[in-house]
Amino acid sequence: LRRRDEKRQIILLERGEYISYANCGLPYYIGDVIKNRDSLLLQKPEVMKARFDIDVRTSSEVTAIHTDRKSIEIKDKNTGETYEESYDDLVIATGSSPLVPPIPGIDGPDIHTLWTIPDTDQIKQVLVEKKPRRAAVIGGGFIGLEMAENLVHAGVEVTLIEMQNQVMAPLDPEMAELLHENLTANGVRLVLGDGVSSFERENGHTVIRLGSGKTVEADLVLLSIGVRPNSSLAKEAGITLNQRGGIVVDSHLRTSADHVYAVGDVIEVEHYVLGTKTMIPLAGPANKEARICADILVGDEKEYKGTMGTSVARIFDYTAALTGVNEKTLRSMGKVKGTDYETVLINQKSHAGYYPGGVPMSVKVIYEKATGKILGAQIVGGEGVDKRCDVLAVAIRAGMTAFDLAQLELCYAPPYSSAKDPVNMAGFVAANVLDGT
């Protein structure tokens, strides 16, 4: 906003002690990949004030929004004092928080979530001081998988417990299976299709009782079950929410209240491929929404055109990346493979086979049967996975077809790719299916 308006008064309110920290880097600090804690703190209040003249107030919790009189109530957590502040425009960017379901014993001393700098400090302290031998990670999403890897690197025995029959839910099962093999090969004990029924404290450690009757013992438990939007403030202010608690916004990021906007994990977005409403809490879309919202606040008629869920994670030796829609979702919508859509799955080296160091990657592309239009892609492999997934994400955004993939001109030199890149190869195979050859 300051980029677009030099004079406007901007007040930033944060209930915690830190602003602008690297959420996505937290597991790597715990695993000692990132050595310096200060590297996680991307921006400090005093710098925001000096460089941008932004009034940053940390430890300042907004307790109420009064849309009728365009004001908010703020509690200073250091002094306990409450005061009111007026606004011309209000932006809600309250994000999301880890899900902590009401499971018996879930508030036990060994049980942690990883979302903030204080969470990170607490887990790091446990690793350094208590030197836990066994850890259990509950949930096989991005943070759960990254934490499993980093805890193994920290010398801890890890059990990963996931209620679904696969890790990384946005992947289709055959792609997730590659990750299962790799996790097991790296010493992670995988418990799939089994949920937690209770946590019990016994002899100084936690016993996790599962729905199947099995038990897992751990000295450290990390909950990574998912997130929920921090939308209670908006709800109390009478702002419209969806069924999952996401703030409903239009394409200009406006809420149901006049002069109130919302961005980031807290909002409902449109799925770029399906055109349906959904929740996709990711850093990339949040940043782009914020930039567009700032342009809108100064009078531009810009629109946020939806989220595709393009994402990537490193899990030990593998990188897993995805974009667009998966086959599971299409099936749940009643779409039929061979009638409504087709898929191709190819395996190819990351670069020319004769050049040393090439590693395999599995590429799955999902496309419309009638038009060949690309709907989604998933890739699991070694190096170069992110590059190919980015190309496929651009192809979806541009409305390209399998025939277009076959003709894409992409970088080639033996250390980097093949003259027929894996993206081209996926296009060749998909076009062959469409042509009936």
Protein backbone atom coordinates (compact mmCIF):
# COMPACT_ATOMS: atom_id res chain seq x y z
CA LEU A 1 0.00 0.00 0.00
CA ARG A 2 2.84 2.38 0.75
CA ARG A 3 4.22 1.55 -2.72
CA ARG A 4 1.04 3.12 -4.15
CA ASP A 5 0.32 5.87 -1.62
CA GLU A 6 3.01 7.94 0.13
CA LYS A 7 0.69 9.92 2.39
CA ARG A 8 -1.95 7.55 3.76
CA GLN A 9 -1.76 6.69 7.46
CA ILE A 10 -1.19 2.94 7.75
CA ILE A 11 -1.55 1.13 11.07
CA LEU A 12 -0.55 -2.54 11.33
CA LEU A 13 -1.89 -4.44 14.35
CA GLU A 14 -0.42 -7.78 15.43
CA ARG A 15 -1.43 -9.67 18.56
CA GLY A 16 1.88 -11.57 18.72
CA GLU A 17 5.39 -10.23 19.25
CA TYR A 18 6.65 -10.75 15.70
CA ILE A 19 5.64 -9.54 12.24
CA SER A 20 6.59 -10.97 8.86
CA TYR A 21 8.40 -14.15 9.87
CA ALA A 22 9.19 -17.07 7.57
CA ASN A 23 6.49 -19.66 8.48
CA CYS A 24 7.67 -21.92 5.68
CA GLY A 25 11.22 -21.96 7.08
CA LEU A 26 10.32 -23.02 10.64
CA PRO A 27 10.79 -26.82 10.15
CA TYR A 28 14.24 -26.20 8.65
CA TYR A 29 15.35 -24.15 11.67
CA ILE A 30 14.23 -27.01 13.93
CA GLY A 31 16.22 -29.44 11.74
CA ASP A 32 19.28 -27.13 11.91
CA VAL A 33 19.30 -26.60 8.13
CA ILE A 34 18.72 -22.90 8.87
CA LYS A 35 21.25 -22.18 11.62
CA ASN A 36 20.41 -18.61 12.57
CA ARG A 37 17.05 -17.86 14.22
CA ASP A 38 17.25 -14.21 13.08
CA SER A 39 17.14 -15.42 9.45
CA LEU A 40 13.45 -16.27 10.06
CA LEU A 41 12.57 -12.68 11.02
CA LEU A 42 12.11 -11.03 7.64
CA GLN A 43 10.96 -7.60 8.78
CA LYS A 44 11.02 -5.70 12.08
CA PRO A 45 8.61 -3.00 13.32
CA GLU A 46 11.32 -0.34 13.66
CA VAL A 47 12.44 -0.91 10.06
CA MET A 48 8.84 -0.65 8.81
CA LYS A 49 8.55 2.66 10.66
CA ALA A 50 11.88 4.07 9.48
CA ARG A 51 11.63 2.95 5.85
CA PHE A 52 7.90 3.12 5.14
CA ASP A 53 6.44 5.27 7.94
CA ILE A 54 4.08 2.45 8.95
CA ASP A 55 2.76 2.44 12.52
CA VAL A 56 3.36 -1.17 13.60
CA ARG A 57 1.87 -2.17 16.94
CA THR A 58 2.85 -5.64 18.16
CA SER A 59 1.25 -7.34 21.19
CA SER A 60 -1.89 -5.44 20.14
CA GLU A 61 -4.92 -7.70 19.89
CA VAL A 62 -7.98 -6.48 18.03
CA THR A 63 -10.92 -7.61 20.15
CA ALA A 64 -13.84 -6.21 18.12
CA ILE A 65 -14.67 -4.67 14.73
CA HIS A 66 -17.51 -2.13 14.66
CA THR A 67 -18.43 -1.86 10.98
CA ASP A 68 -21.34 0.52 11.73
CA ARG A 69 -19.03 3.23 13.06
CA LYS A 70 -15.86 2.13 11.21
CA SER A 71 -13.73 1.49 14.27
CA ILE A 72 -11.92 -1.36 16.03
CA GLU A 73 -11.22 -2.14 19.68
CA ILE A 74 -7.61 -2.95 20.54
CA LYS A 75 -6.16 -4.51 23.69
CA ASP A 76 -2.52 -3.67 24.44
CA LYS A 77 -1.29 -7.01 25.77
CA ASN A 78 1.67 -5.39 27.56
CA THR A 79 -0.37 -2.91 29.60
CA GLY A 80 -3.82 -4.54 29.56
CA GLU A 81 -5.29 -1.23 28.41
CA THR A 82 -8.08 -1.21 25.79
CA TYR A 83 -8.62 1.60 23.29
CA GLU A 84 -10.50 2.32 20.07
CA GLU A 85 -9.08 3.23 16.65
CA SER A 86 -11.09 4.45 13.65
CA TYR A 87 -10.51 3.45 10.02
CA ASP A 88 -11.41 4.55 6.51
CA ASP A 89 -10.54 1.09 5.14
CA LEU A 90 -9.87 -2.09 7.08
CA VAL A 91 -7.95 -5.13 5.83
CA ILE A 92 -8.37 -8.42 7.70
CA ALA A 93 -5.27 -10.62 7.27
CA THR A 94 -5.63 -12.78 10.38
CA GLY A 95 -4.48 -15.97 8.65
CA SER A 96 -5.12 -19.44 10.02
CA SER A 97 -4.21 -21.58 13.03
CA PRO A 98 -3.43 -25.29 13.44
CA LEU A 99 -6.42 -27.53 14.11
CA VAL A 100 -6.42 -28.90 17.64
CA PRO A 101 -9.41 -31.30 17.82
CA PRO A 102 -10.97 -32.18 21.19
CA ILE A 103 -9.12 -35.51 21.60
CA PRO A 104 -8.67 -36.63 25.23
CA GLY A 105 -5.20 -35.65 26.50
CA ILE A 106 -4.42 -33.32 23.60
CA ASP A 107 -3.26 -30.59 25.99
CA GLY A 108 -0.47 -32.82 27.36
CA PRO A 109 3.05 -31.43 27.96
CA ASP A 110 4.71 -33.34 25.07
CA ILE A 111 2.20 -32.15 22.46
CA HIS A 112 3.08 -29.21 20.19
CA THR A 113 1.93 -27.39 17.08
CA LEU A 114 4.28 -25.54 14.72
CA TRP A 115 2.96 -22.22 13.42
CA THR A 116 4.70 -19.31 15.11
CA ILE A 117 8.16 -18.26 16.32
CA PRO A 118 7.27 -19.09 19.98
CA ASP A 119 6.10 -22.58 18.85
CA THR A 120 9.44 -23.04 17.11
CA ASP A 121 11.44 -21.87 20.14
CA GLN A 122 9.54 -24.33 22.34
CA ILE A 123 10.17 -27.35 20.06
CA LYS A 124 13.82 -26.36 19.59
CA GLN A 125 14.23 -26.12 23.36
CA VAL A 126 12.72 -29.61 23.83
CA LEU A 127 15.14 -31.05 21.24
CA VAL A 128 18.18 -29.38 22.82
CA GLU A 129 17.37 -29.87 26.52
CA LYS A 130 15.31 -33.08 26.68
CA LYS A 131 16.88 -34.84 23.67
CA PRO A 132 13.72 -36.88 22.87
CA ARG A 133 14.40 -40.32 21.39
CA ARG A 134 10.99 -40.87 19.77
CA ALA A 135 8.67 -38.40 18.06
CA ALA A 136 5.20 -38.84 16.60
CA VAL A 137 3.96 -36.54 13.86
CA ILE A 138 0.15 -36.51 13.59
CA GLY A 139 -0.82 -35.63 10.01
CA GLY A 140 0.90 -36.16 6.67
CA GLY A 141 0.46 -32.72 5.09
CA PHE A 142 3.24 -30.34 4.08
CA ILE A 143 4.32 -29.32 7.59
CA GLY A 144 4.00 -32.87 8.94
CA LEU A 145 6.20 -34.30 6.18
CA GLU A 146 8.80 -31.52 6.46
CA MET A 147 8.91 -31.96 10.25
CA ALA A 148 9.28 -35.74 9.91
CA GLU A 149 12.33 -35.17 7.69
CA ASN A 150 13.87 -32.56 9.98
CA LEU A 151 13.30 -34.61 13.13
CA VAL A 152 15.01 -37.61 11.49
CA HIS A 153 17.94 -35.33 10.61
CA ALA A 154 18.00 -34.26 14.27
CA GLY A 155 18.52 -37.91 15.26
CA VAL A 156 14.97 -38.66 16.46
CA GLU A 157 13.01 -41.86 15.67
CA VAL A 158 9.85 -40.70 13.88
CA THR A 159 6.40 -42.28 13.54
CA LEU A 160 4.06 -40.49 11.13
CA ILE A 161 0.35 -41.10 11.80
CA GLU A 162 -2.17 -40.15 9.10
CA MET A 163 -5.91 -40.85 9.23
CA GLN A 164 -6.21 -41.03 5.42
CA ASN A 165 -4.67 -43.92 3.49
CA GLN A 166 -1.97 -41.64 2.04
CA VAL A 167 0.20 -38.66 2.90
CA MET A 168 -0.09 -35.31 1.09
CA ALA A 169 -3.82 -35.35 0.32
CA PRO A 170 -3.63 -33.17 -2.85
CA LEU A 171 -1.64 -35.95 -4.59
CA ASP A 172 -3.41 -38.89 -6.19
CA PRO A 173 -2.69 -42.24 -4.45
CA GLU A 174 -0.23 -43.63 -7.03
CA MET A 175 1.92 -40.49 -6.69
CA ALA A 176 1.73 -40.49 -2.87
CA GLU A 177 2.88 -44.13 -2.91
CA LEU A 178 6.30 -42.96 -4.14
CA LEU A 179 6.56 -40.76 -1.03
CA HIS A 180 5.48 -43.64 1.23
CA GLU A 181 8.35 -45.78 -0.09
CA ASN A 182 10.83 -42.94 0.34
CA LEU A 183 9.70 -42.08 3.89
CA THR A 184 10.02 -45.74 4.91
CA ALA A 185 13.44 -46.00 3.26
CA ASN A 186 14.58 -43.04 5.35
CA GLY A 187 13.52 -44.67 8.62
CA VAL A 188 10.11 -43.09 9.17
CA ARG A 189 7.55 -45.52 10.56
CA LEU A 190 4.33 -44.88 8.60
CA VAL A 191 0.91 -45.52 10.15
CA LEU A 192 -1.75 -44.85 7.50
CA GLY A 193 -5.55 -45.11 7.65
CA ASP A 194 -5.54 -44.84 11.43
CA GLY A 195 -6.58 -41.88 13.62
CA VAL A 196 -5.76 -40.88 17.19
CA SER A 197 -8.41 -41.68 19.81
CA SER A 198 -6.51 -40.43 22.89
CA PHE A 199 -3.20 -39.24 24.33
CA GLU A 200 -2.15 -40.60 27.73
CA ARG A 201 0.81 -39.73 29.91
CA GLU A 202 2.76 -42.75 31.19
CA ASN A 203 6.20 -42.94 32.82
CA GLY A 204 7.31 -39.53 31.59
CA HIS A 205 6.26 -39.99 27.96
CA THR A 206 3.07 -39.89 25.87
CA VAL A 207 1.18 -42.99 24.75
CA ILE A 208 -0.92 -42.38 21.63
CA ARG A 209 -3.92 -44.70 21.37
CA LEU A 210 -5.16 -45.18 17.81
CA GLY A 211 -8.62 -46.02 16.48
CA SER A 212 -7.39 -49.50 15.50
CA GLY A 213 -6.35 -50.23 19.10
CA LYS A 214 -2.62 -49.90 18.32
CA THR A 215 -0.44 -47.67 20.51
CA VAL A 216 2.55 -45.46 19.71
CA GLU A 217 4.92 -44.16 22.39
CA ALA A 218 6.57 -40.77 21.97
CA ASP A 219 8.63 -38.21 23.90
CA LEU A 220 7.58 -35.44 21.48
CA VAL A 221 4.30 -35.15 19.56
CA LEU A 222 3.73 -32.70 16.72
CA LEU A 223 0.16 -31.98 15.64
CA SER A 224 -0.09 -31.22 11.95
CA ILE A 225 -3.70 -32.12 11.23
CA GLY A 226 -4.58 -29.07 9.17
CA VAL A 227 -5.54 -25.44 9.68
CA ARG A 228 -8.65 -23.38 10.29
CA PRO A 229 -9.19 -19.73 9.34
CA ASN A 230 -8.89 -17.14 12.14
CA SER A 231 -12.26 -15.60 11.36
CA SER A 232 -13.96 -15.23 14.77
CA LEU A 233 -13.45 -11.42 14.74
CA ALA A 234 -15.12 -11.16 11.34
CA LYS A 235 -17.94 -13.47 12.44
CA GLU A 236 -18.64 -11.40 15.56
CA ALA A 237 -18.72 -8.27 13.37
CA GLY A 238 -21.48 -9.86 11.25
CA ILE A 239 -19.25 -10.37 8.19
CA THR A 240 -20.36 -13.26 5.95
CA LEU A 241 -18.40 -16.53 6.31
CA ASN A 242 -18.61 -19.81 4.40
CA GLN A 243 -19.36 -23.21 6.01
CA ARG A 244 -15.69 -23.78 6.79
CA GLY A 245 -15.32 -20.41 8.50
CA GLY A 246 -13.61 -18.67 5.58
CA ILE A 247 -14.42 -15.00 5.01
CA VAL A 248 -16.43 -14.64 1.80
CA VAL A 249 -14.94 -12.00 -0.53
CA ASP A 250 -15.70 -10.89 -4.10
CA SER A 251 -13.07 -10.77 -6.86
CA HIS A 252 -12.00 -7.34 -5.52
CA LEU A 253 -11.32 -8.92 -2.10
CA ARG A 254 -14.21 -7.00 -0.51
CA THR A 255 -16.09 -8.63 2.36
CA SER A 256 -19.83 -8.23 3.00
CA ALA A 257 -19.09 -5.12 5.12
CA ASP A 258 -18.42 -1.74 3.47
CA HIS A 259 -14.76 -0.65 3.45
CA VAL A 260 -13.64 -4.02 4.89
CA TYR A 261 -11.33 -6.22 2.80
CA ALA A 262 -9.72 -9.58 3.56
CA VAL A 263 -6.71 -11.50 2.18
CA GLY A 264 -4.68 -14.65 2.84
CA ASP A 265 -5.46 -17.92 4.62
CA VAL A 266 -8.60 -16.45 6.21
CA ILE A 267 -10.54 -16.03 2.93
CA GLU A 268 -12.52 -18.26 0.60
CA VAL A 269 -11.10 -18.26 -2.94
CA GLU A 270 -12.29 -19.42 -6.33
CA HIS A 271 -10.54 -22.53 -7.68
CA TYR A 272 -8.96 -21.30 -10.91
CA VAL A 273 -9.59 -24.56 -12.81
CA LEU A 274 -12.99 -25.61 -11.44
CA GLY A 275 -14.56 -22.20 -10.79
CA THR A 276 -15.83 -23.55 -7.43
CA LYS A 277 -15.38 -21.88 -4.03
CA THR A 278 -12.68 -23.40 -1.81
CA MET A 279 -10.02 -22.73 0.84
CA ILE A 280 -6.37 -22.90 -0.28
CA PRO A 281 -4.05 -21.57 2.45
CA LEU A 282 -0.73 -20.93 0.67
CA ALA A 283 1.93 -18.21 0.88
CA GLY A 284 2.08 -17.40 -2.85
CA PRO A 285 -1.62 -16.59 -3.28
CA ALA A 286 -1.66 -14.64 0.04
CA ASN A 287 1.14 -12.36 -1.19
CA LYS A 288 -0.54 -11.77 -4.55
CA GLU A 289 -3.91 -11.06 -2.91
CA ALA A 290 -2.22 -8.48 -0.64
CA ARG A 291 -0.61 -6.69 -3.59
CA ILE A 292 -3.89 -6.61 -5.54
CA CYS A 293 -5.78 -5.44 -2.44
CA ALA A 294 -3.35 -2.51 -2.06
CA ASP A 295 -3.97 -1.53 -5.70
CA ILE A 296 -7.74 -1.71 -5.11
CA LEU A 297 -7.44 0.48 -1.98
CA VAL A 298 -5.97 3.29 -4.08
CA GLY A 299 -8.77 3.05 -6.63
CA ASP A 300 -7.63 0.51 -9.26
CA GLU A 301 -10.30 -1.92 -10.51
CA LYS A 302 -8.04 -4.96 -10.21
CA GLU A 303 -9.34 -8.49 -9.67
CA TYR A 304 -7.98 -11.59 -7.98
CA LYS A 305 -8.68 -14.34 -10.49
CA GLY A 306 -8.45 -17.45 -8.34
CA THR A 307 -6.02 -19.98 -6.88
CA MET A 308 -4.74 -23.23 -8.42
CA GLY A 309 -2.98 -24.65 -5.36
CA THR A 310 0.46 -24.78 -7.03
CA SER A 311 2.80 -26.09 -4.34
CA VAL A 312 6.01 -28.00 -3.73
CA ALA A 313 7.65 -29.83 -0.82
CA ARG A 314 10.91 -31.66 -0.31
CA ILE A 315 10.56 -34.99 1.47
CA PHE A 316 13.99 -36.54 2.02
CA ASP A 317 15.34 -37.59 -1.42
CA TYR A 318 12.21 -36.57 -3.29
CA THR A 319 10.51 -33.38 -4.31
CA ALA A 320 6.72 -33.48 -4.74
CA ALA A 321 4.95 -30.72 -6.65
CA LEU A 322 1.41 -30.23 -7.88
CA THR A 323 -0.87 -27.72 -9.56
CA GLY A 324 -4.50 -27.50 -10.64
CA VAL A 325 -7.03 -30.22 -9.94
CA ASN A 326 -6.32 -33.87 -9.02
CA GLU A 327 -8.08 -36.98 -10.26
CA LYS A 328 -9.65 -37.70 -6.85
CA THR A 329 -11.49 -34.37 -6.98
CA LEU A 330 -12.74 -34.95 -10.54
CA ARG A 331 -14.07 -38.38 -9.55
CA SER A 332 -15.80 -36.94 -6.47
CA MET A 333 -17.54 -34.48 -8.83
CA GLY A 334 -18.89 -37.39 -10.87
CA LYS A 335 -16.44 -36.95 -13.78
CA VAL A 336 -15.56 -40.14 -15.66
CA LYS A 337 -12.08 -41.01 -16.89
CA GLY A 338 -12.08 -41.71 -20.61
CA THR A 339 -15.26 -39.65 -21.08
CA ASP A 340 -14.71 -36.33 -19.31
CA TYR A 341 -10.97 -36.42 -18.72
CA GLU A 342 -7.83 -38.44 -19.39
CA THR A 343 -4.56 -38.85 -17.48
CA VAL A 344 -1.03 -39.72 -18.57
CA LEU A 345 1.77 -40.88 -16.29
CA ILE A 346 5.32 -40.88 -17.60
CA ASN A 347 8.70 -41.58 -16.03
CA GLN A 348 11.72 -39.74 -17.32
CA LYS A 349 15.17 -38.61 -16.18
CA SER A 350 15.65 -35.05 -14.93
CA HIS A 351 18.25 -34.47 -17.66
CA ALA A 352 19.96 -36.24 -20.55
CA GLY A 353 20.53 -39.90 -19.68
CA TYR A 354 24.14 -39.91 -20.91
CA TYR A 355 25.07 -36.97 -18.66
CA PRO A 356 25.91 -38.13 -15.09
CA GLY A 357 23.57 -37.47 -12.17
CA GLY A 358 20.19 -37.68 -13.89
CA VAL A 359 17.46 -38.85 -11.53
CA PRO A 360 14.00 -40.20 -12.37
CA MET A 361 10.80 -38.20 -12.08
CA SER A 362 7.22 -39.35 -12.41
CA VAL A 363 4.94 -36.85 -14.14
CA LYS A 364 1.15 -37.14 -14.08
CA VAL A 365 -0.90 -34.79 -16.27
CA ILE A 366 -4.70 -34.58 -16.18
CA TYR A 367 -6.52 -33.06 -19.16
CA GLU A 368 -9.98 -32.70 -20.70
CA LYS A 369 -10.93 -35.48 -23.11
CA ALA A 370 -12.88 -33.22 -25.48
CA THR A 371 -10.37 -30.38 -25.83
CA GLY A 372 -7.03 -31.60 -24.45
CA LYS A 373 -7.04 -28.61 -22.06
CA ILE A 374 -4.68 -29.17 -19.11
CA LEU A 375 -6.54 -29.43 -15.78
CA GLY A 376 -3.82 -30.47 -13.35
CA ALA A 377 -0.39 -32.01 -12.86
CA GLN A 378 1.59 -33.83 -10.18
CA ILE A 379 5.30 -34.62 -10.21
CA VAL A 380 7.42 -36.65 -7.79
CA GLY A 381 11.15 -37.08 -8.29
CA GLY A 382 14.56 -35.55 -7.70
CA GLU A 383 15.93 -32.33 -9.11
CA GLY A 384 14.01 -30.27 -11.67
CA VAL A 385 10.54 -31.20 -10.37
CA ASP A 386 9.67 -27.63 -9.37
CA LYS A 387 10.72 -26.27 -12.78
CA ARG A 388 8.43 -28.65 -14.67
CA CYS A 389 5.51 -28.08 -12.31
CA ASP A 390 5.89 -24.30 -12.77
CA VAL A 391 5.74 -24.74 -16.56
CA LEU A 392 2.57 -26.81 -16.20
CA ALA A 393 1.05 -24.23 -13.83
CA VAL A 394 1.65 -21.54 -16.48
CA ALA A 395 0.12 -23.86 -19.11
CA ILE A 396 -3.06 -24.18 -17.02
CA ARG A 397 -3.22 -20.41 -16.39
CA ALA A 398 -2.84 -19.82 -20.15
CA GLY A 399 -5.56 -22.35 -21.05
CA MET A 400 -3.11 -24.54 -22.98
CA THR A 401 -3.76 -28.06 -24.26
CA ALA A 402 -1.75 -31.28 -24.43
CA PHE A 403 -0.94 -30.37 -28.06
CA ASP A 404 0.56 -27.09 -26.85
CA LEU A 405 2.75 -28.94 -24.31
CA ALA A 406 4.17 -31.02 -27.13
CA GLN A 407 5.30 -27.84 -28.90
CA LEU A 408 6.70 -25.86 -25.95
CA GLU A 409 10.26 -24.72 -26.53
CA LEU A 410 12.08 -25.15 -23.24
CA CYS A 411 15.69 -24.77 -22.08
CA TYR A 412 17.95 -27.63 -23.06
CA ALA A 413 21.54 -28.51 -22.26
CA PRO A 414 22.62 -31.98 -21.05
CA PRO A 415 23.13 -30.95 -17.38
CA TYR A 416 19.60 -29.47 -17.19
CA SER A 417 17.17 -31.35 -19.40
CA SER A 418 16.71 -33.45 -22.52
CA ALA A 419 16.00 -32.19 -26.03
CA LYS A 420 12.53 -33.61 -25.37
CA ASP A 421 11.81 -32.21 -21.91
CA PRO A 422 9.59 -34.23 -19.51
CA VAL A 423 6.86 -31.60 -20.10
CA ASN A 424 7.12 -32.18 -23.86
CA MET A 425 7.06 -35.94 -23.32
CA ALA A 426 3.86 -35.67 -21.25
CA GLY A 427 2.40 -33.61 -24.10
CA PHE A 428 3.47 -36.20 -26.72
CA VAL A 429 1.86 -39.06 -24.79
CA ALA A 430 -1.34 -37.10 -24.03
CA ALA A 431 -1.64 -36.02 -27.68
CA ASN A 432 -1.17 -39.67 -28.77
CA VAL A 433 -4.07 -40.67 -26.50
CA LEU A 434 -6.26 -37.87 -27.84
CA ASP A 435 -5.37 -38.74 -31.46
CA GLY A 436 -6.03 -42.42 -30.88
CA THR A 437 -2.49 -43.29 -31.99
